[in-house]
């Protein structure tokens, strides 16, 4: 999986199943909700190989703080997800 981490959006892509997406969301949702970021989730994808897998786009109501970005980056990296930061 790959995560694109920006100030106002977070995209998790190339997941093999919706269960993979759910596991990641279970880790980062408490941070987003408790931080008052008002996340909106957009799910997309297909299990067909070669089509990019499942993905979720999370749009935030405000910019992520530096400490929350570091925490999310660390949580995703621990799960073996490649994190790409977008400016």
N, C-alpha and C. Protein backbone atom coordinates (compact mmCIF):
# COMPACT_ATOMS: atom_id res chain seq x y z
N UNK A 1 0.84 -1.18 0.00
CA UNK A 1 0.00 0.00 0.00
C UNK A 1 0.89 1.24 0.00
N UNK A 2 0.31 2.32 -0.47
CA UNK A 2 0.98 3.61 -0.52
C UNK A 2 0.04 4.64 0.13
N UNK A 3 0.62 5.54 0.89
CA UNK A 3 -0.15 6.63 1.50
C UNK A 3 0.42 7.95 1.01
N UNK A 4 -0.44 8.81 0.55
CA UNK A 4 -0.04 10.17 0.17
C UNK A 4 -0.58 11.09 1.26
N UNK A 5 0.33 11.71 1.98
CA UNK A 5 -0.02 12.52 3.14
C UNK A 5 0.18 13.99 2.83
N UNK A 6 -0.92 14.74 2.86
CA UNK A 6 -0.86 16.18 2.65
C UNK A 6 -1.44 16.89 3.85
N UNK A 7 -1.42 18.21 3.82
CA UNK A 7 -1.94 19.00 4.94
C UNK A 7 -3.45 18.84 5.12
N UNK A 8 -4.18 18.76 4.00
CA UNK A 8 -5.64 18.69 4.06
C UNK A 8 -6.22 17.37 3.57
N UNK A 9 -5.38 16.49 3.06
CA UNK A 9 -5.88 15.21 2.54
C UNK A 9 -4.91 14.07 2.88
N UNK A 10 -5.47 12.90 2.94
CA UNK A 10 -4.70 11.68 3.13
C UNK A 10 -5.30 10.65 2.19
N UNK A 11 -4.47 10.05 1.35
CA UNK A 11 -4.93 9.05 0.38
C UNK A 11 -4.20 7.74 0.68
N UNK A 12 -4.97 6.70 0.93
CA UNK A 12 -4.43 5.36 1.08
C UNK A 12 -4.83 4.60 -0.17
N UNK A 13 -3.86 4.07 -0.89
CA UNK A 13 -4.17 3.42 -2.16
C UNK A 13 -3.42 2.11 -2.32
N UNK A 14 -3.82 1.35 -3.31
CA UNK A 14 -3.25 0.05 -3.66
C UNK A 14 -3.43 -0.99 -2.55
N UNK A 15 -4.57 -0.93 -1.85
CA UNK A 15 -4.89 -1.96 -0.86
C UNK A 15 -5.49 -3.17 -1.58
N UNK A 16 -5.18 -4.36 -1.09
CA UNK A 16 -5.68 -5.58 -1.73
C UNK A 16 -7.13 -5.86 -1.39
N UNK A 17 -7.60 -5.38 -0.23
CA UNK A 17 -8.99 -5.62 0.15
C UNK A 17 -9.51 -4.48 1.01
N UNK A 18 -10.81 -4.46 1.19
CA UNK A 18 -11.40 -3.43 2.05
C UNK A 18 -11.00 -3.67 3.50
N UNK A 19 -10.61 -4.90 3.85
CA UNK A 19 -10.16 -5.18 5.22
C UNK A 19 -8.85 -4.45 5.52
N UNK A 20 -7.97 -4.36 4.52
CA UNK A 20 -6.72 -3.61 4.70
C UNK A 20 -7.01 -2.14 4.97
N UNK A 21 -7.93 -1.59 4.22
CA UNK A 21 -8.32 -0.18 4.41
C UNK A 21 -8.92 0.00 5.81
N UNK A 22 -9.78 -0.92 6.22
CA UNK A 22 -10.41 -0.82 7.53
C UNK A 22 -9.37 -0.85 8.65
N UNK A 23 -8.38 -1.71 8.54
CA UNK A 23 -7.34 -1.78 9.57
C UNK A 23 -6.58 -0.47 9.69
N UNK A 24 -6.26 0.14 8.56
CA UNK A 24 -5.55 1.42 8.58
C UNK A 24 -6.42 2.51 9.19
N UNK A 25 -7.69 2.55 8.78
CA UNK A 25 -8.60 3.56 9.31
C UNK A 25 -8.81 3.40 10.81
N UNK A 26 -8.82 2.17 11.30
CA UNK A 26 -8.96 1.96 12.74
C UNK A 26 -7.79 2.56 13.51
N UNK A 27 -6.63 2.63 12.89
CA UNK A 27 -5.46 3.23 13.54
C UNK A 27 -5.49 4.75 13.52
N UNK A 28 -5.87 5.33 12.37
CA UNK A 28 -5.75 6.78 12.25
C UNK A 28 -7.03 7.57 12.58
N UNK A 29 -8.19 6.91 12.55
CA UNK A 29 -9.44 7.62 12.87
C UNK A 29 -9.44 8.30 14.24
N UNK A 30 -8.97 7.64 15.30
CA UNK A 30 -8.97 8.31 16.60
C UNK A 30 -8.18 9.62 16.61
N UNK A 31 -7.10 9.66 15.85
CA UNK A 31 -6.29 10.88 15.77
C UNK A 31 -7.06 11.97 15.06
N UNK A 32 -7.69 11.61 13.94
CA UNK A 32 -8.41 12.60 13.14
C UNK A 32 -9.65 13.13 13.86
N UNK A 33 -10.39 12.24 14.49
CA UNK A 33 -11.63 12.65 15.16
C UNK A 33 -11.32 13.45 16.42
N UNK A 34 -10.38 12.98 17.23
CA UNK A 34 -10.06 13.69 18.48
C UNK A 34 -9.38 15.03 18.21
N UNK A 35 -8.71 15.14 17.04
CA UNK A 35 -8.06 16.40 16.69
C UNK A 35 -9.01 17.42 16.08
N UNK A 36 -10.28 17.03 15.88
CA UNK A 36 -11.26 17.96 15.32
C UNK A 36 -11.06 18.24 13.84
N UNK A 37 -10.50 17.28 13.11
CA UNK A 37 -10.22 17.50 11.68
C UNK A 37 -11.43 17.29 10.78
N UNK A 38 -12.52 16.79 11.29
CA UNK A 38 -13.76 16.56 10.54
C UNK A 38 -13.50 15.82 9.22
N UNK A 39 -13.02 14.58 9.31
CA UNK A 39 -12.69 13.84 8.09
C UNK A 39 -13.91 13.43 7.28
N UNK A 40 -13.78 13.52 5.95
CA UNK A 40 -14.78 13.03 5.01
C UNK A 40 -14.10 11.95 4.17
N UNK A 41 -14.75 10.80 4.05
CA UNK A 41 -14.13 9.63 3.42
C UNK A 41 -14.76 9.35 2.06
N UNK A 42 -13.90 9.07 1.08
CA UNK A 42 -14.34 8.73 -0.27
C UNK A 42 -13.65 7.42 -0.66
N UNK A 43 -14.44 6.36 -0.80
CA UNK A 43 -13.89 5.04 -1.10
C UNK A 43 -14.00 4.77 -2.60
N UNK A 44 -12.98 4.06 -3.09
CA UNK A 44 -12.92 3.78 -4.51
C UNK A 44 -12.14 2.49 -4.71
N UNK A 45 -12.31 1.83 -5.82
CA UNK A 45 -11.44 0.72 -6.14
C UNK A 45 -12.12 -0.54 -6.57
N UNK A 46 -11.26 -1.49 -6.91
CA UNK A 46 -11.69 -2.77 -7.41
C UNK A 46 -10.66 -3.82 -6.99
N UNK A 47 -11.07 -5.04 -6.75
CA UNK A 47 -10.11 -6.07 -6.39
C UNK A 47 -9.37 -6.66 -7.59
N UNK A 48 -9.62 -6.14 -8.79
CA UNK A 48 -8.99 -6.67 -10.00
C UNK A 48 -7.51 -6.32 -10.00
N UNK A 49 -6.66 -7.31 -10.18
CA UNK A 49 -5.21 -7.08 -10.22
C UNK A 49 -4.87 -6.19 -11.41
N UNK A 50 -4.00 -5.23 -11.18
CA UNK A 50 -3.58 -4.32 -12.24
C UNK A 50 -4.42 -3.07 -12.32
N UNK A 51 -5.47 -2.97 -11.52
CA UNK A 51 -6.34 -1.80 -11.55
C UNK A 51 -6.09 -0.85 -10.38
N UNK A 52 -5.08 -1.11 -9.56
CA UNK A 52 -4.75 -0.20 -8.47
C UNK A 52 -5.33 -0.58 -7.13
N UNK A 53 -6.17 -1.59 -7.08
CA UNK A 53 -6.73 -2.03 -5.80
C UNK A 53 -7.72 -1.05 -5.23
N UNK A 54 -7.94 -1.19 -3.92
CA UNK A 54 -8.88 -0.32 -3.21
C UNK A 54 -8.15 0.92 -2.72
N UNK A 55 -8.88 2.02 -2.59
CA UNK A 55 -8.29 3.24 -2.06
C UNK A 55 -9.35 4.03 -1.30
N UNK A 56 -8.85 4.91 -0.43
CA UNK A 56 -9.72 5.83 0.28
C UNK A 56 -9.05 7.20 0.28
N UNK A 57 -9.84 8.20 0.00
CA UNK A 57 -9.38 9.59 0.07
C UNK A 57 -10.04 10.19 1.30
N UNK A 58 -9.24 10.75 2.18
CA UNK A 58 -9.75 11.38 3.39
C UNK A 58 -9.47 12.87 3.28
N UNK A 59 -10.54 13.65 3.18
CA UNK A 59 -10.42 15.10 3.12
C UNK A 59 -10.70 15.65 4.51
N UNK A 60 -9.88 16.59 4.93
CA UNK A 60 -9.96 17.12 6.29
C UNK A 60 -10.49 18.55 6.28
N UNK A 61 -11.20 18.90 7.35
CA UNK A 61 -11.79 20.23 7.50
C UNK A 61 -10.77 21.30 7.84
N UNK A 62 -9.59 20.90 8.33
CA UNK A 62 -8.52 21.85 8.63
C UNK A 62 -7.19 21.14 8.42
N UNK A 63 -6.11 21.92 8.38
CA UNK A 63 -4.79 21.36 8.13
C UNK A 63 -4.30 20.53 9.31
N UNK A 64 -3.60 19.44 9.00
CA UNK A 64 -2.99 18.61 10.03
C UNK A 64 -1.85 19.37 10.71
N UNK A 65 -1.75 19.22 12.00
CA UNK A 65 -0.62 19.80 12.72
C UNK A 65 0.62 18.97 12.42
N UNK A 66 1.79 19.54 12.64
CA UNK A 66 3.04 18.83 12.39
C UNK A 66 3.14 17.58 13.26
N UNK A 67 2.72 17.67 14.52
CA UNK A 67 2.81 16.51 15.41
C UNK A 67 1.87 15.40 14.96
N UNK A 68 0.66 15.74 14.51
CA UNK A 68 -0.27 14.72 14.02
C UNK A 68 0.22 14.10 12.72
N UNK A 69 0.85 14.91 11.86
CA UNK A 69 1.42 14.37 10.62
C UNK A 69 2.53 13.37 10.94
N UNK A 70 3.39 13.69 11.90
CA UNK A 70 4.46 12.77 12.28
C UNK A 70 3.89 11.48 12.85
N UNK A 71 2.85 11.60 13.69
CA UNK A 71 2.24 10.43 14.30
C UNK A 71 1.59 9.53 13.24
N UNK A 72 0.84 10.12 12.33
CA UNK A 72 0.20 9.35 11.26
C UNK A 72 1.25 8.70 10.37
N UNK A 73 2.30 9.45 10.01
CA UNK A 73 3.38 8.91 9.19
C UNK A 73 4.02 7.71 9.89
N UNK A 74 4.26 7.82 11.19
CA UNK A 74 4.87 6.73 11.94
C UNK A 74 3.96 5.50 11.98
N UNK A 75 2.66 5.72 12.25
CA UNK A 75 1.70 4.60 12.30
C UNK A 75 1.63 3.87 10.96
N UNK A 76 1.60 4.62 9.87
CA UNK A 76 1.52 4.01 8.55
C UNK A 76 2.81 3.26 8.22
N UNK A 77 3.95 3.85 8.55
CA UNK A 77 5.24 3.21 8.28
C UNK A 77 5.39 1.90 9.04
N UNK A 78 4.92 1.89 10.29
CA UNK A 78 4.98 0.67 11.10
C UNK A 78 4.18 -0.46 10.44
N UNK A 79 3.10 -0.11 9.76
CA UNK A 79 2.28 -1.10 9.05
C UNK A 79 2.89 -1.53 7.72
N UNK A 80 4.02 -0.96 7.37
CA UNK A 80 4.68 -1.32 6.11
C UNK A 80 4.15 -0.55 4.92
N UNK A 81 3.48 0.55 5.17
CA UNK A 81 2.92 1.36 4.09
C UNK A 81 3.94 2.43 3.70
N UNK A 82 4.21 2.55 2.43
CA UNK A 82 5.12 3.59 1.94
C UNK A 82 4.39 4.93 2.01
N UNK A 83 4.98 5.90 2.70
CA UNK A 83 4.37 7.21 2.88
C UNK A 83 5.08 8.24 2.02
N UNK A 84 4.31 8.94 1.20
CA UNK A 84 4.81 10.01 0.36
C UNK A 84 4.14 11.30 0.85
N UNK A 85 4.95 12.26 1.22
CA UNK A 85 4.39 13.53 1.69
C UNK A 85 4.21 14.47 0.51
N UNK A 86 3.04 15.08 0.46
CA UNK A 86 2.73 16.05 -0.60
C UNK A 86 2.76 17.44 0.00
N UNK A 87 3.35 18.34 -0.74
CA UNK A 87 3.47 19.71 -0.25
C UNK A 87 2.27 20.53 -0.62
